[in-house]
């Protein structure tokens, strides 16, 4: 059932039937047995960070047939979305973080600082080749794609700003012990996919996964513990945060389709963005945070997400109480 649904939404020929894809904003929550509105702030006053709206303003939803799935509908300000897009493109694919670029196809300068070399490239064909080749970067604990395990010796520093972002969402949702220890940033050109899989390599399989979506819209499939269970399809749009916890933590999931729906990241900055100065500014790179408000600085990042999606996926690796991975 999972593979059939994946094939249906992936279809290149014709126009696939998308009437079954859930848009959480469109559901009549008064009479809905699929989507449930959540009040995750519960009246608490929660200190936020630059680029993130107050949790009391978050639009948060649960999928009733998939316990543990939480979708927070774009809790970022416009400047906040721009900041994380820029971080994912300019900074995260740099050495010592690991990228997917093949050493036989790209020289060291590209693999060590992909965005810089992409920005310097003036050959249209080579630019497109470099742009579309970048599919992922990892940091914190690096997943070993050969052994399907993490190793203590394979890790780079986890960014402080992303750690602060994850801890904000985790503590607001009640996961006060969550430690962001590994991340993969996926880069999806329109037309690309991510096949069905489970995330089961971490020794800690009870801590939630945090997923942050930017750029173009994805159709996300969430299924059950086996491929025989029919999945639910839901739209993940620019700025959406999804949490996989509890029963859904080890369920099959996939991205069968990236849809070019609009040009995200070009909304005018508002008073909401100006209010960001009132937050704890040491939690982000304030130079970059200010620069993304400048049209000429922002333009190359905007051009990238015009036909691409970026997803940050963060997880805890170690069990509570462990200080490192075993031998």
C-alpha atoms as a PDB file:
ATOM      1  CA  UNK A   1       0.000   0.000   0.000  1.00  0.00           C
ATOM      2  CA  UNK A   2       2.837   2.391   0.801  1.00  0.00           C
ATOM      3  CA  UNK A   3       4.613   1.780  -2.513  1.00  0.00           C
ATOM      4  CA  UNK A   4       1.370   2.185  -4.464  1.00  0.00           C
ATOM      5  CA  UNK A   5       0.726   5.572  -2.868  1.00  0.00           C
ATOM      6  CA  UNK A   6       4.321   6.642  -3.499  1.00  0.00           C
ATOM      7  CA  UNK A   7       3.995   5.687  -7.174  1.00  0.00           C
ATOM      8  CA  UNK A   8       0.675   7.525  -7.470  1.00  0.00           C
ATOM      9  CA  UNK A   9       2.021  10.852  -6.194  1.00  0.00           C
ATOM     10  CA  UNK A  10       5.374  10.512  -7.951  1.00  0.00           C
ATOM     11  CA  UNK A  11       3.793  10.000 -11.402  1.00  0.00           C
ATOM     12  CA  UNK A  12       5.432  12.187 -14.048  1.00  0.00           C
ATOM     13  CA  UNK A  13       2.937  11.591 -16.851  1.00  0.00           C
ATOM     14  CA  UNK A  14      -0.409  13.315 -16.615  1.00  0.00           C
ATOM     15  CA  UNK A  15      -1.705  15.036 -13.511  1.00  0.00           C
ATOM     16  CA  UNK A  16      -1.918  12.823 -10.410  1.00  0.00           C
ATOM     17  CA  UNK A  17      -5.048  13.032  -8.284  1.00  0.00           C
ATOM     18  CA  UNK A  18      -4.071  15.194  -5.302  1.00  0.00           C
ATOM     19  CA  UNK A  19      -7.523  15.457  -3.730  1.00  0.00           C
ATOM     20  CA  UNK A  20      -6.452  13.084  -0.954  1.00  0.00           C
ATOM     21  CA  UNK A  21      -3.497  15.200   0.147  1.00  0.00           C
ATOM     22  CA  UNK A  22      -4.156  16.937   3.468  1.00  0.00           C
ATOM     23  CA  UNK A  23      -3.695  20.675   3.789  1.00  0.00           C
ATOM     24  CA  UNK A  24      -4.060  21.296   7.501  1.00  0.00           C
ATOM     25  CA  UNK A  25      -5.212  24.873   6.892  1.00  0.00           C
ATOM     26  CA  UNK A  26      -8.209  23.703   4.855  1.00  0.00           C
ATOM     27  CA  UNK A  27      -9.750  21.276   7.339  1.00  0.00           C
ATOM     28  CA  UNK A  28     -12.958  22.032   9.204  1.00  0.00           C
ATOM     29  CA  UNK A  29     -11.520  21.271  12.613  1.00  0.00           C
ATOM     30  CA  UNK A  30     -14.947  21.291  14.264  1.00  0.00           C
ATOM     31  CA  UNK A  31     -15.976  18.127  12.424  1.00  0.00           C
ATOM     32  CA  UNK A  32     -12.696  16.477  11.539  1.00  0.00           C
ATOM     33  CA  UNK A  33     -11.510  12.964  12.353  1.00  0.00           C
ATOM     34  CA  UNK A  34      -8.221  13.415  10.471  1.00  0.00           C
ATOM     35  CA  UNK A  35      -6.665  16.655  11.759  1.00  0.00           C
ATOM     36  CA  UNK A  36      -6.858  17.940  15.328  1.00  0.00           C
ATOM     37  CA  UNK A  37      -5.872  21.466  16.426  1.00  0.00           C
ATOM     38  CA  UNK A  38      -3.463  21.582  19.387  1.00  0.00           C
ATOM     39  CA  UNK A  39      -2.805  24.274  21.971  1.00  0.00           C
ATOM     40  CA  UNK A  40       0.806  23.498  22.724  1.00  0.00           C
ATOM     41  CA  UNK A  41       1.594  26.687  24.639  1.00  0.00           C
ATOM     42  CA  UNK A  42      -1.242  25.982  27.104  1.00  0.00           C
ATOM     43  CA  UNK A  43      -1.201  29.591  28.232  1.00  0.00           C
ATOM     44  CA  UNK A  44       2.468  29.515  29.210  1.00  0.00           C
ATOM     45  CA  UNK A  45       4.768  32.458  28.554  1.00  0.00           C
ATOM     46  CA  UNK A  46       7.644  30.915  26.593  1.00  0.00           C
ATOM     47  CA  UNK A  47      10.791  32.810  25.646  1.00  0.00           C
ATOM     48  CA  UNK A  48      11.343  32.490  21.899  1.00  0.00           C
ATOM     49  CA  UNK A  49      14.290  33.472  19.666  1.00  0.00           C
ATOM     50  CA  UNK A  50      14.862  35.789  16.683  1.00  0.00           C
ATOM     51  CA  UNK A  51      12.870  34.710  13.642  1.00  0.00           C
ATOM     52  CA  UNK A  52      10.370  32.538  15.538  1.00  0.00           C
ATOM     53  CA  UNK A  53       6.868  33.668  16.470  1.00  0.00           C
ATOM     54  CA  UNK A  54       5.569  33.361  20.007  1.00  0.00           C
ATOM     55  CA  UNK A  55       4.375  29.779  20.708  1.00  0.00           C
ATOM     56  CA  UNK A  56       0.990  31.239  21.648  1.00  0.00           C
ATOM     57  CA  UNK A  57       0.639  32.178  17.950  1.00  0.00           C
ATOM     58  CA  UNK A  58       1.703  28.796  16.530  1.00  0.00           C
ATOM     59  CA  UNK A  59      -0.923  26.909  14.516  1.00  0.00           C
ATOM     60  CA  UNK A  60      -0.272  23.327  15.591  1.00  0.00           C
ATOM     61  CA  UNK A  61      -2.002  20.167  14.437  1.00  0.00           C
ATOM     62  CA  UNK A  62      -1.997  16.431  15.100  1.00  0.00           C
ATOM     63  CA  UNK A  63      -2.891  13.706  12.601  1.00  0.00           C
ATOM     64  CA  UNK A  64      -5.407  11.588  14.501  1.00  0.00           C
ATOM     65  CA  UNK A  65      -4.609   8.372  12.609  1.00  0.00           C
ATOM     66  CA  UNK A  66      -0.874   8.788  13.190  1.00  0.00           C
ATOM     67  CA  UNK A  67      -0.264   9.360  16.917  1.00  0.00           C
ATOM     68  CA  UNK A  68       2.918  11.310  17.518  1.00  0.00           C
ATOM     69  CA  UNK A  69       2.864  13.351  14.298  1.00  0.00           C
ATOM     70  CA  UNK A  70       2.672  17.084  14.998  1.00  0.00           C
ATOM     71  CA  UNK A  71       2.697  19.754  12.278  1.00  0.00           C
ATOM     72  CA  UNK A  72       3.316  23.388  13.212  1.00  0.00           C
ATOM     73  CA  UNK A  73       2.236  25.608  10.354  1.00  0.00           C
ATOM     74  CA  UNK A  74       5.044  28.100   9.653  1.00  0.00           C
ATOM     75  CA  UNK A  75       5.938  29.434  13.103  1.00  0.00           C
ATOM     76  CA  UNK A  76       8.675  31.599  11.529  1.00  0.00           C
ATOM     77  CA  UNK A  77       8.702  35.250  10.593  1.00  0.00           C
ATOM     78  CA  UNK A  78       9.690  36.127   7.025  1.00  0.00           C
ATOM     79  CA  UNK A  79      13.182  37.120   8.163  1.00  0.00           C
ATOM     80  CA  UNK A  80      13.383  33.904  10.169  1.00  0.00           C
ATOM     81  CA  UNK A  81      12.629  31.774   7.110  1.00  0.00           C
ATOM     82  CA  UNK A  82      15.233  33.658   5.094  1.00  0.00           C
ATOM     83  CA  UNK A  83      17.833  33.169   7.840  1.00  0.00           C
ATOM     84  CA  UNK A  84      17.505  29.376   7.916  1.00  0.00           C
ATOM     85  CA  UNK A  85      17.466  29.113   4.133  1.00  0.00           C
ATOM     86  CA  UNK A  86      20.696  31.113   3.992  1.00  0.00           C
ATOM     87  CA  UNK A  87      22.285  29.007   6.734  1.00  0.00           C
ATOM     88  CA  UNK A  88      21.395  25.795   4.881  1.00  0.00           C
ATOM     89  CA  UNK A  89      22.870  27.039   1.604  1.00  0.00           C
ATOM     90  CA  UNK A  90      25.830  29.223   2.589  1.00  0.00           C
ATOM     91  CA  UNK A  91      27.113  27.631   5.788  1.00  0.00           C
ATOM     92  CA  UNK A  92      26.014  24.079   6.474  1.00  0.00           C
ATOM     93  CA  UNK A  93      27.525  22.451   3.338  1.00  0.00           C
ATOM     94  CA  UNK A  94      31.039  23.577   4.344  1.00  0.00           C
ATOM     95  CA  UNK A  95      33.943  21.446   5.555  1.00  0.00           C
ATOM     96  CA  UNK A  96      34.198  19.753   8.059  1.00  0.00           C
ATOM     97  CA  UNK A  97      30.546  18.880   7.459  1.00  0.00           C
ATOM     98  CA  UNK A  98      30.067  16.046   4.979  1.00  0.00           C
ATOM     99  CA  UNK A  99      28.285  16.455   1.637  1.00  0.00           C
ATOM    100  CA  UNK A 100      27.196  13.968  -1.001  1.00  0.00           C
ATOM    101  CA  UNK A 101      29.302  15.483  -3.823  1.00  0.00           C
ATOM    102  CA  UNK A 102      31.464  12.865  -5.515  1.00  0.00           C
ATOM    103  CA  UNK A 103      35.219  13.564  -5.504  1.00  0.00           C
ATOM    104  CA  UNK A 104      35.496  12.207  -9.065  1.00  0.00           C
ATOM    105  CA  UNK A 105      32.991  14.779 -10.317  1.00  0.00           C
ATOM    106  CA  UNK A 106      33.809  17.830  -8.185  1.00  0.00           C
ATOM    107  CA  UNK A 107      37.127  19.185  -6.968  1.00  0.00           C
ATOM    108  CA  UNK A 108      37.967  20.004  -3.366  1.00  0.00           C
ATOM    109  CA  UNK A 109      36.981  23.661  -3.639  1.00  0.00           C
ATOM    110  CA  UNK A 110      33.395  22.730  -4.538  1.00  0.00           C
ATOM    111  CA  UNK A 111      33.075  19.949  -1.982  1.00  0.00           C
ATOM    112  CA  UNK A 112      34.493  22.109   0.823  1.00  0.00           C
ATOM    113  CA  UNK A 113      32.459  25.283   0.099  1.00  0.00           C
ATOM    114  CA  UNK A 114      29.758  24.485  -2.435  1.00  0.00           C
ATOM    115  CA  UNK A 115      27.732  27.723  -2.156  1.00  0.00           C
ATOM    116  CA  UNK A 116      30.778  29.953  -2.589  1.00  0.00           C
ATOM    117  CA  UNK A 117      31.837  28.136  -5.759  1.00  0.00           C
ATOM    118  CA  UNK A 118      28.270  28.081  -7.051  1.00  0.00           C
ATOM    119  CA  UNK A 119      28.073  31.855  -6.531  1.00  0.00           C
ATOM    120  CA  UNK A 120      31.331  32.352  -8.451  1.00  0.00           C
ATOM    121  CA  UNK A 121      30.330  30.119 -11.372  1.00  0.00           C
ATOM    122  CA  UNK A 122      29.493  31.996 -14.596  1.00  0.00           C
ATOM    123  CA  UNK A 123      29.016  29.012 -16.924  1.00  0.00           C
ATOM    124  CA  UNK A 124      25.284  28.291 -17.074  1.00  0.00           C
ATOM    125  CA  UNK A 125      25.598  24.547 -17.681  1.00  0.00           C
ATOM    126  CA  UNK A 126      28.212  24.088 -14.964  1.00  0.00           C
ATOM    127  CA  UNK A 127      26.147  26.196 -12.571  1.00  0.00           C
ATOM    128  CA  UNK A 128      23.135  23.954 -13.101  1.00  0.00           C
ATOM    129  CA  UNK A 129      25.261  20.823 -12.693  1.00  0.00           C
ATOM    130  CA  UNK A 130      26.681  22.068  -9.398  1.00  0.00           C
ATOM    131  CA  UNK A 131      23.319  23.242  -8.149  1.00  0.00           C
ATOM    132  CA  UNK A 132      21.404  20.035  -8.856  1.00  0.00           C
ATOM    133  CA  UNK A 133      24.189  17.748  -7.606  1.00  0.00           C
ATOM    134  CA  UNK A 134      23.949  18.947  -3.994  1.00  0.00           C
ATOM    135  CA  UNK A 135      21.487  16.618  -2.265  1.00  0.00           C
ATOM    136  CA  UNK A 136      22.545  16.456   1.374  1.00  0.00           C
ATOM    137  CA  UNK A 137      24.951  17.561   4.061  1.00  0.00           C
ATOM    138  CA  UNK A 138      25.371  16.102   7.555  1.00  0.00           C
ATOM    139  CA  UNK A 139      26.800  17.445  10.796  1.00  0.00           C
ATOM    140  CA  UNK A 140      26.919  16.534  14.445  1.00  0.00           C
ATOM    141  CA  UNK A 141      27.127  12.749  14.418  1.00  0.00           C
ATOM    142  CA  UNK A 142      27.552  11.633  10.791  1.00  0.00           C
ATOM    143  CA  UNK A 143      25.530   8.677   9.611  1.00  0.00           C
ATOM    144  CA  UNK A 144      27.733   6.007   8.023  1.00  0.00           C
ATOM    145  CA  UNK A 145      25.869   5.135   4.834  1.00  0.00           C
ATOM    146  CA  UNK A 146      27.813   1.880   4.408  1.00  0.00           C
ATOM    147  CA  UNK A 147      27.280   0.395   7.868  1.00  0.00           C
ATOM    148  CA  UNK A 148      23.979   2.266   8.545  1.00  0.00           C
ATOM    149  CA  UNK A 149      25.305   3.215  11.984  1.00  0.00           C
ATOM    150  CA  UNK A 150      26.755   6.234  13.761  1.00  0.00           C
ATOM    151  CA  UNK A 151      30.346   6.175  15.003  1.00  0.00           C
ATOM    152  CA  UNK A 152      31.906   8.238  17.790  1.00  0.00           C
ATOM    153  CA  UNK A 153      34.868   9.217  15.620  1.00  0.00           C
ATOM    154  CA  UNK A 154      32.607  10.494  12.818  1.00  0.00           C
ATOM    155  CA  UNK A 155      31.209  13.799  13.992  1.00  0.00           C
ATOM    156  CA  UNK A 156      31.549  17.538  13.469  1.00  0.00           C
ATOM    157  CA  UNK A 157      30.311  20.408  15.595  1.00  0.00           C
ATOM    158  CA  UNK A 158      26.553  20.833  15.828  1.00  0.00           C
ATOM    159  CA  UNK A 159      25.615  24.487  15.058  1.00  0.00           C
ATOM    160  CA  UNK A 160      24.662  26.415  18.169  1.00  0.00           C
ATOM    161  CA  UNK A 161      21.823  28.311  16.472  1.00  0.00           C
ATOM    162  CA  UNK A 162      20.161  25.153  15.164  1.00  0.00           C
ATOM    163  CA  UNK A 163      20.605  23.536  18.566  1.00  0.00           C
ATOM    164  CA  UNK A 164      18.833  26.491  20.176  1.00  0.00           C
ATOM    165  CA  UNK A 165      16.015  26.259  17.628  1.00  0.00           C
ATOM    166  CA  UNK A 166      15.482  22.553  18.301  1.00  0.00           C
ATOM    167  CA  UNK A 167      15.570  22.991  22.067  1.00  0.00           C
ATOM    168  CA  UNK A 168      12.960  25.759  21.794  1.00  0.00           C
ATOM    169  CA  UNK A 169      10.528  23.481  19.959  1.00  0.00           C
ATOM    170  CA  UNK A 170      11.389  20.460  22.107  1.00  0.00           C
ATOM    171  CA  UNK A 171      10.871  22.256  25.424  1.00  0.00           C
ATOM    172  CA  UNK A 172       7.633  23.861  24.210  1.00  0.00           C
ATOM    173  CA  UNK A 173       6.290  20.423  23.305  1.00  0.00           C
ATOM    174  CA  UNK A 174       7.395  18.876  26.587  1.00  0.00           C
ATOM    175  CA  UNK A 175      10.533  17.072  25.407  1.00  0.00           C
ATOM    176  CA  UNK A 176      12.771  18.800  27.923  1.00  0.00           C
ATOM    177  CA  UNK A 177      15.474  16.088  27.797  1.00  0.00           C
ATOM    178  CA  UNK A 178      15.914  16.294  24.013  1.00  0.00           C
ATOM    179  CA  UNK A 179      19.484  16.856  22.806  1.00  0.00           C
ATOM    180  CA  UNK A 180      20.068  17.736  19.124  1.00  0.00           C
ATOM    181  CA  UNK A 181      23.067  15.602  18.191  1.00  0.00           C
ATOM    182  CA  UNK A 182      22.817  14.783  14.479  1.00  0.00           C
ATOM    183  CA  UNK A 183      21.326  16.508  11.460  1.00  0.00           C
ATOM    184  CA  UNK A 184      20.929  15.962   7.758  1.00  0.00           C
ATOM    185  CA  UNK A 185      19.941  18.797   5.447  1.00  0.00           C
ATOM    186  CA  UNK A 186      18.297  17.511   2.268  1.00  0.00           C
ATOM    187  CA  UNK A 187      18.175  19.590  -0.915  1.00  0.00           C
ATOM    188  CA  UNK A 188      15.308  18.728  -3.267  1.00  0.00           C
ATOM    189  CA  UNK A 189      15.129  20.161  -6.784  1.00  0.00           C
ATOM    190  CA  UNK A 190      11.587  20.129  -8.171  1.00  0.00           C
ATOM    191  CA  UNK A 191      11.083  16.646  -9.602  1.00  0.00           C
ATOM    192  CA  UNK A 192      13.207  14.835  -7.006  1.00  0.00           C
ATOM    193  CA  UNK A 193      11.925  12.355  -4.411  1.00  0.00           C
ATOM    194  CA  UNK A 194      12.873  10.567  -1.201  1.00  0.00           C
ATOM    195  CA  UNK A 195      11.930   6.891  -1.102  1.00  0.00           C
ATOM    196  CA  UNK A 196      10.084   5.217   1.735  1.00  0.00           C
ATOM    197  CA  UNK A 197      12.232   4.418   4.769  1.00  0.00           C
ATOM    198  CA  UNK A 198      12.372   4.414   8.549  1.00  0.00           C
ATOM    199  CA  UNK A 199      14.907   6.230  10.744  1.00  0.00           C
ATOM    200  CA  UNK A 200      16.177   3.455  12.995  1.00  0.00           C
ATOM    201  CA  UNK A 201      19.977   3.893  13.085  1.00  0.00           C
ATOM    202  CA  UNK A 202      20.009   5.914  16.308  1.00  0.00           C
ATOM    203  CA  UNK A 203      20.559   4.037  19.592  1.00  0.00           C
ATOM    204  CA  UNK A 204      17.916   6.374  21.032  1.00  0.00           C
ATOM    205  CA  UNK A 205      14.719   5.565  19.138  1.00  0.00           C
ATOM    206  CA  UNK A 206      12.318   7.149  21.587  1.00  0.00           C
ATOM    207  CA  UNK A 207      13.444  10.789  21.287  1.00  0.00           C
ATOM    208  CA  UNK A 208      11.463  12.715  18.635  1.00  0.00           C
ATOM    209  CA  UNK A 209      12.663  13.748  15.184  1.00  0.00           C
ATOM    210  CA  UNK A 210      12.374  17.424  14.241  1.00  0.00           C
ATOM    211  CA  UNK A 211      11.884  18.391  10.589  1.00  0.00           C
ATOM    212  CA  UNK A 212      12.019  21.964   9.235  1.00  0.00           C
ATOM    213  CA  UNK A 213      10.824  22.642   5.662  1.00  0.00           C
ATOM    214  CA  UNK A 214      11.755  25.645   3.516  1.00  0.00           C
ATOM    215  CA  UNK A 215      11.255  26.559  -0.138  1.00  0.00           C
ATOM    216  CA  UNK A 216       8.837  24.735  -2.380  1.00  0.00           C
ATOM    217  CA  UNK A 217       6.022  22.485  -1.144  1.00  0.00           C
ATOM    218  CA  UNK A 218       6.468  18.753  -0.576  1.00  0.00           C
ATOM    219  CA  UNK A 219       3.931  15.953  -0.472  1.00  0.00           C
ATOM    220  CA  UNK A 220       4.914  13.937   2.591  1.00  0.00           C
ATOM    221  CA  UNK A 221       3.746  10.371   3.164  1.00  0.00           C
ATOM    222  CA  UNK A 222       3.492   8.966   6.678  1.00  0.00           C
ATOM    223  CA  UNK A 223       2.628   5.301   7.005  1.00  0.00           C
ATOM    224  CA  UNK A 224       2.879   2.613   9.653  1.00  0.00           C
ATOM    225  CA  UNK A 225       5.469   0.132  10.860  1.00  0.00           C
ATOM    226  CA  UNK A 226       5.194  -1.946   7.647  1.00  0.00           C
ATOM    227  CA  UNK A 227       4.899  -1.147   3.943  1.00  0.00           C
ATOM    228  CA  UNK A 228       1.536  -2.923   3.867  1.00  0.00           C
ATOM    229  CA  UNK A 229      -0.201  -0.074   5.705  1.00  0.00           C
ATOM    230  CA  UNK A 230      -1.792   2.693   3.648  1.00  0.00           C
ATOM    231  CA  UNK A 231      -0.022   6.025   4.238  1.00  0.00           C
ATOM    232  CA  UNK A 232      -1.511   9.470   4.713  1.00  0.00           C
ATOM    233  CA  UNK A 233      -0.379  12.253   2.365  1.00  0.00           C
ATOM    234  CA  UNK A 234       0.071  15.777   3.706  1.00  0.00           C
ATOM    235  CA  UNK A 235       1.461  19.016   2.290  1.00  0.00           C
ATOM    236  CA  UNK A 236       4.561  20.437   3.979  1.00  0.00           C
ATOM    237  CA  UNK A 237       5.020  24.072   2.994  1.00  0.00           C
ATOM    238  CA  UNK A 238       7.687  26.723   3.476  1.00  0.00           C
ATOM    239  CA  UNK A 239       8.367  27.233   7.177  1.00  0.00           C
ATOM    240  CA  UNK A 240       6.454  24.178   8.389  1.00  0.00           C
ATOM    241  CA  UNK A 241       7.843  22.203  11.318  1.00  0.00           C
ATOM    242  CA  UNK A 242       6.973  18.524  11.719  1.00  0.00           C
ATOM    243  CA  UNK A 243       7.696  16.335  14.719  1.00  0.00           C
ATOM    244  CA  UNK A 244       7.725  12.540  14.570  1.00  0.00           C
ATOM    245  CA  UNK A 245       7.387  11.189  18.095  1.00  0.00           C
ATOM    246  CA  UNK A 246       5.846   8.310  20.013  1.00  0.00           C
ATOM    247  CA  UNK A 247       4.245   5.691  17.780  1.00  0.00           C
ATOM    248  CA  UNK A 248       5.191   7.537  14.586  1.00  0.00           C
ATOM    249  CA  UNK A 249       8.934   7.720  15.407  1.00  0.00           C
ATOM    250  CA  UNK A 250       9.734   4.429  13.618  1.00  0.00           C
ATOM    251  CA  UNK A 251       7.050   4.562  10.927  1.00  0.00           C
ATOM    252  CA  UNK A 252       7.710   4.529   7.180  1.00  0.00           C
ATOM    253  CA  UNK A 253       7.755   7.927   5.546  1.00  0.00           C
ATOM    254  CA  UNK A 254       8.684   9.384   2.151  1.00  0.00           C
ATOM    255  CA  UNK A 255       8.578  12.416  -0.120  1.00  0.00           C
ATOM    256  CA  UNK A 256       7.164  11.380  -3.525  1.00  0.00           C
ATOM    257  CA  UNK A 257       6.772  14.857  -4.971  1.00  0.00           C
ATOM    258  CA  UNK A 258       8.125  18.412  -4.772  1.00  0.00           C
ATOM    259  CA  UNK A 259       5.672  20.927  -6.174  1.00  0.00           C
ATOM    260  CA  UNK A 260       6.492  24.364  -7.487  1.00  0.00           C
ATOM    261  CA  UNK A 261       3.587  26.261  -6.023  1.00  0.00           C
ATOM    262  CA  UNK A 262       4.840  29.785  -5.497  1.00  0.00           C
ATOM    263  CA  UNK A 263       7.989  31.791  -4.886  1.00  0.00           C
ATOM    264  CA  UNK A 264       8.500  31.576  -1.130  1.00  0.00           C
ATOM    265  CA  UNK A 265      10.786  33.840   0.822  1.00  0.00           C
ATOM    266  CA  UNK A 266       9.839  37.031  -1.003  1.00  0.00           C
ATOM    267  CA  UNK A 267       7.122  38.377   1.246  1.00  0.00           C
ATOM    268  CA  UNK A 268       7.839  41.896   2.484  1.00  0.00           C
ATOM    269  CA  UNK A 269       9.354  42.184   5.946  1.00  0.00           C
ATOM    270  CA  UNK A 270       6.775  43.284   8.512  1.00  0.00           C
ATOM    271  CA  UNK A 271       6.536  44.691  12.020  1.00  0.00           C
ATOM    272  CA  UNK A 272       6.767  41.085  13.146  1.00  0.00           C
ATOM    273  CA  UNK A 273      10.287  40.966  11.727  1.00  0.00           C
ATOM    274  CA  UNK A 274      11.194  44.258  13.381  1.00  0.00           C
ATOM    275  CA  UNK A 275      10.131  42.823  16.744  1.00  0.00           C
ATOM    276  CA  UNK A 276      12.855  40.161  16.399  1.00  0.00           C
ATOM    277  CA  UNK A 277      15.318  42.639  17.863  1.00  0.00           C
ATOM    278  CA  UNK A 278      13.561  42.201  21.211  1.00  0.00           C
ATOM    279  CA  UNK A 279      14.614  38.544  21.453  1.00  0.00           C
ATOM    280  CA  UNK A 280      17.842  36.991  22.698  1.00  0.00           C
ATOM    281  CA  UNK A 281      20.089  37.951  19.796  1.00  0.00           C
ATOM    282  CA  UNK A 282      23.064  35.779  20.760  1.00  0.00           C
ATOM    283  CA  UNK A 283      21.089  32.689  19.665  1.00  0.00           C
ATOM    284  CA  UNK A 284      21.612  33.454  15.955  1.00  0.00           C
ATOM    285  CA  UNK A 285      24.239  34.974  13.671  1.00  0.00           C
ATOM    286  CA  UNK A 286      22.911  38.533  13.829  1.00  0.00           C
ATOM    287  CA  UNK A 287      25.048  39.662  10.901  1.00  0.00           C
ATOM    288  CA  UNK A 288      23.368  37.128   8.633  1.00  0.00           C
ATOM    289  CA  UNK A 289      20.011  37.739  10.280  1.00  0.00           C
ATOM    290  CA  UNK A 290      20.183  41.399   9.309  1.00  0.00           C
ATOM    291  CA  UNK A 291      21.680  40.801   5.859  1.00  0.00           C
ATOM    292  CA  UNK A 292      18.834  38.572   4.639  1.00  0.00           C
ATOM    293  CA  UNK A 293      16.616  41.652   4.807  1.00  0.00           C
ATOM    294  CA  UNK A 294      18.716  43.281   2.081  1.00  0.00           C
ATOM    295  CA  UNK A 295      17.272  42.574  -1.383  1.00  0.00           C
ATOM    296  CA  UNK A 296      20.586  42.191  -3.223  1.00  0.00           C
ATOM    297  CA  UNK A 297      22.050  39.915  -0.541  1.00  0.00           C
ATOM    298  CA  UNK A 298      18.903  37.787  -0.459  1.00  0.00           C
ATOM    299  CA  UNK A 299      18.491  37.453  -4.247  1.00  0.00           C
ATOM    300  CA  UNK A 300      20.716  34.377  -4.901  1.00  0.00           C
ATOM    301  CA  UNK A 301      19.073  32.488  -2.037  1.00  0.00           C
ATOM    302  CA  UNK A 302      15.648  33.450  -3.352  1.00  0.00           C
ATOM    303  CA  UNK A 303      16.607  32.242  -6.832  1.00  0.00           C
ATOM    304  CA  UNK A 304      17.652  28.876  -5.417  1.00  0.00           C
ATOM    305  CA  UNK A 305      14.384  28.143  -3.628  1.00  0.00           C
ATOM    306  CA  UNK A 306      12.379  29.256  -6.662  1.00  0.00           C
ATOM    307  CA  UNK A 307      12.621  25.641  -7.843  1.00  0.00           C
ATOM    308  CA  UNK A 308      13.885  23.739  -4.803  1.00  0.00           C
ATOM    309  CA  UNK A 309      12.973  22.591  -1.311  1.00  0.00           C
ATOM    310  CA  UNK A 310      15.277  22.412   1.720  1.00  0.00           C
ATOM    311  CA  UNK A 311      14.594  20.156   4.694  1.00  0.00           C
ATOM    312  CA  UNK A 312      16.516  20.077   7.992  1.00  0.00           C
ATOM    313  CA  UNK A 313      16.053  16.849   9.935  1.00  0.00           C
ATOM    314  CA  UNK A 314      17.429  16.696  13.478  1.00  0.00           C
ATOM    315  CA  UNK A 315      17.577  13.766  15.849  1.00  0.00           C
ATOM    316  CA  UNK A 316      19.065  12.676  19.179  1.00  0.00           C
ATOM    317  CA  UNK A 317      21.577   9.844  18.876  1.00  0.00           C
ATOM    318  CA  UNK A 318      22.601   8.952  22.432  1.00  0.00           C
ATOM    319  CA  UNK A 319      20.397   7.372  25.044  1.00  0.00           C
ATOM    320  CA  UNK A 320      19.725   9.506  28.115  1.00  0.00           C
ATOM    321  CA  UNK A 321      22.719   9.286  30.441  1.00  0.00           C
ATOM    322  CA  UNK A 322      25.181   8.191  27.755  1.00  0.00           C
ATOM    323  CA  UNK A 323      28.087  10.518  27.029  1.00  0.00           C
ATOM    324  CA  UNK A 324      29.317   8.801  23.858  1.00  0.00           C
ATOM    325  CA  UNK A 325      28.654   5.917  21.530  1.00  0.00           C
ATOM    326  CA  UNK A 326      29.934   2.489  22.443  1.00  0.00           C
ATOM    327  CA  UNK A 327      32.812   0.799  20.557  1.00  0.00           C
END
